[in-house]
Amino acid sequence: MIAEKILFPGRYSRIDNLALHGRLAAQVAVGGVLMLFMAAILEGGFRQLVQSTSLRFVIGLGMGALWLAYFTRSGRTARS
């Protein structure tokens, strides 16, 4: 996102464009770090604690459903 705004600034100057979109880029980066943190906790901690294969599938499907709900519902506002 930042590289796109530097290379193709559009109607704003490069500095103004970075100021406008820098906060959004930081939010995207923080979201990626949080997703990796959650994956590390699941793989590093729960993987050794849960021995049942069926329970592992349930946890995996549950996390997949949570991420799917997050990506399909986040940032959406009700239409009037």
N, C-alpha and C. Protein backbone atom coordinates (compact mmCIF):
# COMPACT_ATOMS: atom_id res chain seq x y z
N MET A 1 0.82 -1.18 0.00
CA MET A 1 0.00 0.00 0.00
C MET A 1 0.87 1.25 0.00
N ILE A 2 1.90 1.24 0.82
CA ILE A 2 2.77 2.42 0.89
C ILE A 2 3.53 2.61 -0.41
N ALA A 3 4.03 1.51 -0.97
CA ALA A 3 4.77 1.61 -2.24
C ALA A 3 3.85 2.09 -3.36
N GLU A 4 2.61 1.64 -3.36
CA GLU A 4 1.67 2.09 -4.39
C GLU A 4 1.43 3.59 -4.29
N LYS A 5 1.30 4.10 -3.08
CA LYS A 5 1.05 5.53 -2.91
C LYS A 5 2.27 6.38 -3.23
N ILE A 6 3.46 5.81 -3.11
CA ILE A 6 4.67 6.53 -3.50
C ILE A 6 4.81 6.54 -5.03
N LEU A 7 4.58 5.37 -5.65
CA LEU A 7 4.75 5.27 -7.10
C LEU A 7 3.62 5.93 -7.88
N PHE A 8 2.40 5.79 -7.40
CA PHE A 8 1.23 6.33 -8.09
C PHE A 8 0.44 7.22 -7.12
N PRO A 9 0.90 8.44 -6.90
CA PRO A 9 0.27 9.28 -5.88
C PRO A 9 -1.11 9.81 -6.24
N GLY A 10 -1.47 9.82 -7.50
CA GLY A 10 -2.79 10.32 -7.88
C GLY A 10 -2.85 11.84 -7.78
N ARG A 11 -3.96 12.37 -7.28
CA ARG A 11 -4.15 13.82 -7.27
C ARG A 11 -3.47 14.50 -6.08
N TYR A 12 -3.05 13.74 -5.08
CA TYR A 12 -2.34 14.31 -3.93
C TYR A 12 -0.83 14.19 -4.14
N SER A 13 -0.09 14.98 -3.38
CA SER A 13 1.37 14.83 -3.43
C SER A 13 1.75 13.54 -2.71
N ARG A 14 2.97 13.10 -2.92
CA ARG A 14 3.40 11.84 -2.30
C ARG A 14 3.35 11.92 -0.78
N ILE A 15 3.78 13.02 -0.21
CA ILE A 15 3.78 13.19 1.24
C ILE A 15 2.36 13.20 1.78
N ASP A 16 1.46 13.93 1.12
CA ASP A 16 0.07 13.98 1.57
C ASP A 16 -0.59 12.60 1.45
N ASN A 17 -0.28 11.90 0.37
CA ASN A 17 -0.84 10.57 0.17
C ASN A 17 -0.36 9.59 1.23
N LEU A 18 0.92 9.68 1.59
CA LEU A 18 1.44 8.81 2.66
C LEU A 18 0.82 9.14 4.00
N ALA A 19 0.59 10.42 4.25
CA ALA A 19 -0.05 10.82 5.50
C ALA A 19 -1.48 10.30 5.57
N LEU A 20 -2.17 10.32 4.43
CA LEU A 20 -3.56 9.84 4.41
C LEU A 20 -3.66 8.33 4.57
N HIS A 21 -2.76 7.60 3.95
CA HIS A 21 -2.88 6.15 3.93
C HIS A 21 -1.92 5.43 4.88
N GLY A 22 -1.05 6.15 5.55
CA GLY A 22 -0.09 5.53 6.45
C GLY A 22 -0.75 4.87 7.65
N ARG A 23 -1.78 5.51 8.19
CA ARG A 23 -2.48 4.95 9.34
C ARG A 23 -3.17 3.64 8.97
N LEU A 24 -3.78 3.58 7.79
CA LEU A 24 -4.43 2.36 7.34
C LEU A 24 -3.40 1.25 7.13
N ALA A 25 -2.26 1.60 6.58
CA ALA A 25 -1.20 0.61 6.37
C ALA A 25 -0.70 0.07 7.71
N ALA A 26 -0.61 0.92 8.72
CA ALA A 26 -0.18 0.47 10.05
C ALA A 26 -1.22 -0.46 10.66
N GLN A 27 -2.50 -0.18 10.46
CA GLN A 27 -3.54 -1.07 10.98
C GLN A 27 -3.47 -2.44 10.32
N VAL A 28 -3.22 -2.47 9.03
CA VAL A 28 -3.09 -3.74 8.32
C VAL A 28 -1.89 -4.52 8.85
N ALA A 29 -0.78 -3.84 9.09
CA ALA A 29 0.42 -4.50 9.60
C ALA A 29 0.19 -5.05 11.01
N VAL A 30 -0.49 -4.28 11.86
CA VAL A 30 -0.78 -4.76 13.22
C VAL A 30 -1.71 -5.97 13.17
N GLY A 31 -2.68 -5.95 12.27
CA GLY A 31 -3.57 -7.11 12.11
C GLY A 31 -2.80 -8.36 11.69
N GLY A 32 -1.85 -8.19 10.80
CA GLY A 32 -1.02 -9.34 10.38
C GLY A 32 -0.18 -9.88 11.52
N VAL A 33 0.37 -8.98 12.34
CA VAL A 33 1.16 -9.42 13.49
C VAL A 33 0.29 -10.16 14.49
N LEU A 34 -0.93 -9.68 14.73
CA LEU A 34 -1.84 -10.36 15.65
C LEU A 34 -2.23 -11.75 15.15
N MET A 35 -2.44 -11.86 13.84
CA MET A 35 -2.76 -13.18 13.28
C MET A 35 -1.59 -14.14 13.46
N LEU A 36 -0.38 -13.68 13.23
CA LEU A 36 0.80 -14.54 13.43
C LEU A 36 0.98 -14.91 14.90
N PHE A 37 0.66 -13.98 15.80
CA PHE A 37 0.75 -14.24 17.22
C PHE A 37 -0.25 -15.34 17.63
N MET A 38 -1.47 -15.25 17.12
CA MET A 38 -2.47 -16.28 17.41
C MET A 38 -2.03 -17.64 16.86
N ALA A 39 -1.48 -17.66 15.67
CA ALA A 39 -1.00 -18.91 15.09
C ALA A 39 0.14 -19.49 15.91
N ALA A 40 1.02 -18.64 16.42
CA ALA A 40 2.13 -19.12 17.24
C ALA A 40 1.64 -19.71 18.55
N ILE A 41 0.64 -19.09 19.16
CA ILE A 41 0.08 -19.64 20.40
C ILE A 41 -0.56 -20.99 20.15
N LEU A 42 -1.32 -21.10 19.06
CA LEU A 42 -1.96 -22.38 18.75
C LEU A 42 -0.93 -23.47 18.45
N GLU A 43 0.04 -23.15 17.63
CA GLU A 43 1.03 -24.15 17.25
C GLU A 43 2.02 -24.45 18.37
N GLY A 44 2.43 -23.43 19.08
CA GLY A 44 3.45 -23.62 20.11
C GLY A 44 2.91 -24.17 21.41
N GLY A 45 1.70 -23.80 21.76
CA GLY A 45 1.16 -24.21 23.05
C GLY A 45 0.15 -25.33 22.97
N PHE A 46 -0.93 -25.08 22.26
CA PHE A 46 -2.02 -26.05 22.25
C PHE A 46 -1.70 -27.32 21.47
N ARG A 47 -0.79 -27.24 20.55
CA ARG A 47 -0.45 -28.43 19.75
C ARG A 47 0.13 -29.53 20.64
N GLN A 48 0.93 -29.16 21.62
CA GLN A 48 1.51 -30.15 22.51
C GLN A 48 0.55 -30.58 23.61
N LEU A 49 -0.40 -29.73 23.96
CA LEU A 49 -1.33 -30.06 25.03
C LEU A 49 -2.47 -30.96 24.58
N VAL A 50 -2.92 -30.81 23.35
CA VAL A 50 -4.06 -31.57 22.85
C VAL A 50 -3.53 -32.77 22.08
N GLN A 51 -3.86 -33.97 22.55
CA GLN A 51 -3.37 -35.19 21.90
C GLN A 51 -4.40 -35.82 20.99
N SER A 52 -5.67 -35.56 21.20
CA SER A 52 -6.75 -36.16 20.42
C SER A 52 -6.82 -35.52 19.03
N THR A 53 -6.81 -36.38 18.01
CA THR A 53 -6.88 -35.88 16.64
C THR A 53 -8.22 -35.22 16.36
N SER A 54 -9.30 -35.80 16.87
CA SER A 54 -10.61 -35.20 16.61
C SER A 54 -10.74 -33.84 17.29
N LEU A 55 -10.18 -33.68 18.48
CA LEU A 55 -10.22 -32.39 19.15
C LEU A 55 -9.37 -31.36 18.41
N ARG A 56 -8.27 -31.80 17.83
CA ARG A 56 -7.44 -30.89 17.02
C ARG A 56 -8.23 -30.40 15.80
N PHE A 57 -8.99 -31.30 15.17
CA PHE A 57 -9.81 -30.89 14.04
C PHE A 57 -10.88 -29.90 14.47
N VAL A 58 -11.49 -30.13 15.62
CA VAL A 58 -12.51 -29.22 16.13
C VAL A 58 -11.91 -27.84 16.39
N ILE A 59 -10.74 -27.80 17.00
CA ILE A 59 -10.07 -26.52 17.27
C ILE A 59 -9.72 -25.82 15.96
N GLY A 60 -9.20 -26.58 15.01
CA GLY A 60 -8.84 -25.99 13.72
C GLY A 60 -10.05 -25.46 12.97
N LEU A 61 -11.13 -26.22 12.96
CA LEU A 61 -12.34 -25.76 12.29
C LEU A 61 -12.94 -24.55 13.01
N GLY A 62 -12.87 -24.57 14.33
CA GLY A 62 -13.37 -23.43 15.09
C GLY A 62 -12.58 -22.16 14.80
N MET A 63 -11.26 -22.28 14.77
CA MET A 63 -10.43 -21.11 14.46
C MET A 63 -10.67 -20.65 13.03
N GLY A 64 -10.83 -21.61 12.12
CA GLY A 64 -11.13 -21.24 10.73
C GLY A 64 -12.45 -20.50 10.63
N ALA A 65 -13.46 -20.95 11.38
CA ALA A 65 -14.75 -20.27 11.37
C ALA A 65 -14.64 -18.87 11.97
N LEU A 66 -13.84 -18.73 13.03
CA LEU A 66 -13.66 -17.40 13.62
C LEU A 66 -12.97 -16.44 12.65
N TRP A 67 -11.92 -16.91 11.96
CA TRP A 67 -11.23 -16.05 11.01
C TRP A 67 -12.14 -15.71 9.83
N LEU A 68 -12.92 -16.68 9.37
CA LEU A 68 -13.84 -16.43 8.27
C LEU A 68 -14.87 -15.39 8.67
N ALA A 69 -15.42 -15.50 9.88
CA ALA A 69 -16.38 -14.52 10.36
C ALA A 69 -15.72 -13.15 10.49
N TYR A 70 -14.50 -13.12 10.98
CA TYR A 70 -13.79 -11.84 11.12
C TYR A 70 -13.58 -11.17 9.77
N PHE A 71 -13.12 -11.93 8.78
CA PHE A 71 -12.82 -11.32 7.49
C PHE A 71 -14.07 -10.96 6.71
N THR A 72 -15.16 -11.66 6.93
CA THR A 72 -16.37 -11.32 6.20
C THR A 72 -17.18 -10.22 6.87
N ARG A 73 -17.00 -10.02 8.19
CA ARG A 73 -17.82 -9.05 8.91
C ARG A 73 -17.07 -7.79 9.35
N SER A 74 -15.77 -7.81 9.43
CA SER A 74 -15.05 -6.65 9.97
C SER A 74 -15.07 -5.50 8.97
N GLY A 75 -15.21 -4.31 9.50
CA GLY A 75 -15.18 -3.13 8.67
C GLY A 75 -16.46 -2.84 7.94
N ARG A 76 -17.46 -3.68 8.12
CA ARG A 76 -18.73 -3.47 7.43
C ARG A 76 -19.67 -2.66 8.32
N THR A 77 -20.35 -1.74 7.71
CA THR A 77 -21.34 -0.97 8.46
C THR A 77 -22.72 -1.27 7.88
N ALA A 78 -23.72 -1.06 8.68
CA ALA A 78 -25.09 -1.31 8.23
C ALA A 78 -25.47 -0.28 7.18
N ARG A 79 -26.12 -0.74 6.13
CA ARG A 79 -26.57 0.17 5.08
C ARG A 79 -27.91 0.75 5.48
N SER A 80 -28.08 2.01 5.19
CA SER A 80 -29.34 2.65 5.58
C SER A 80 -30.37 2.58 4.46
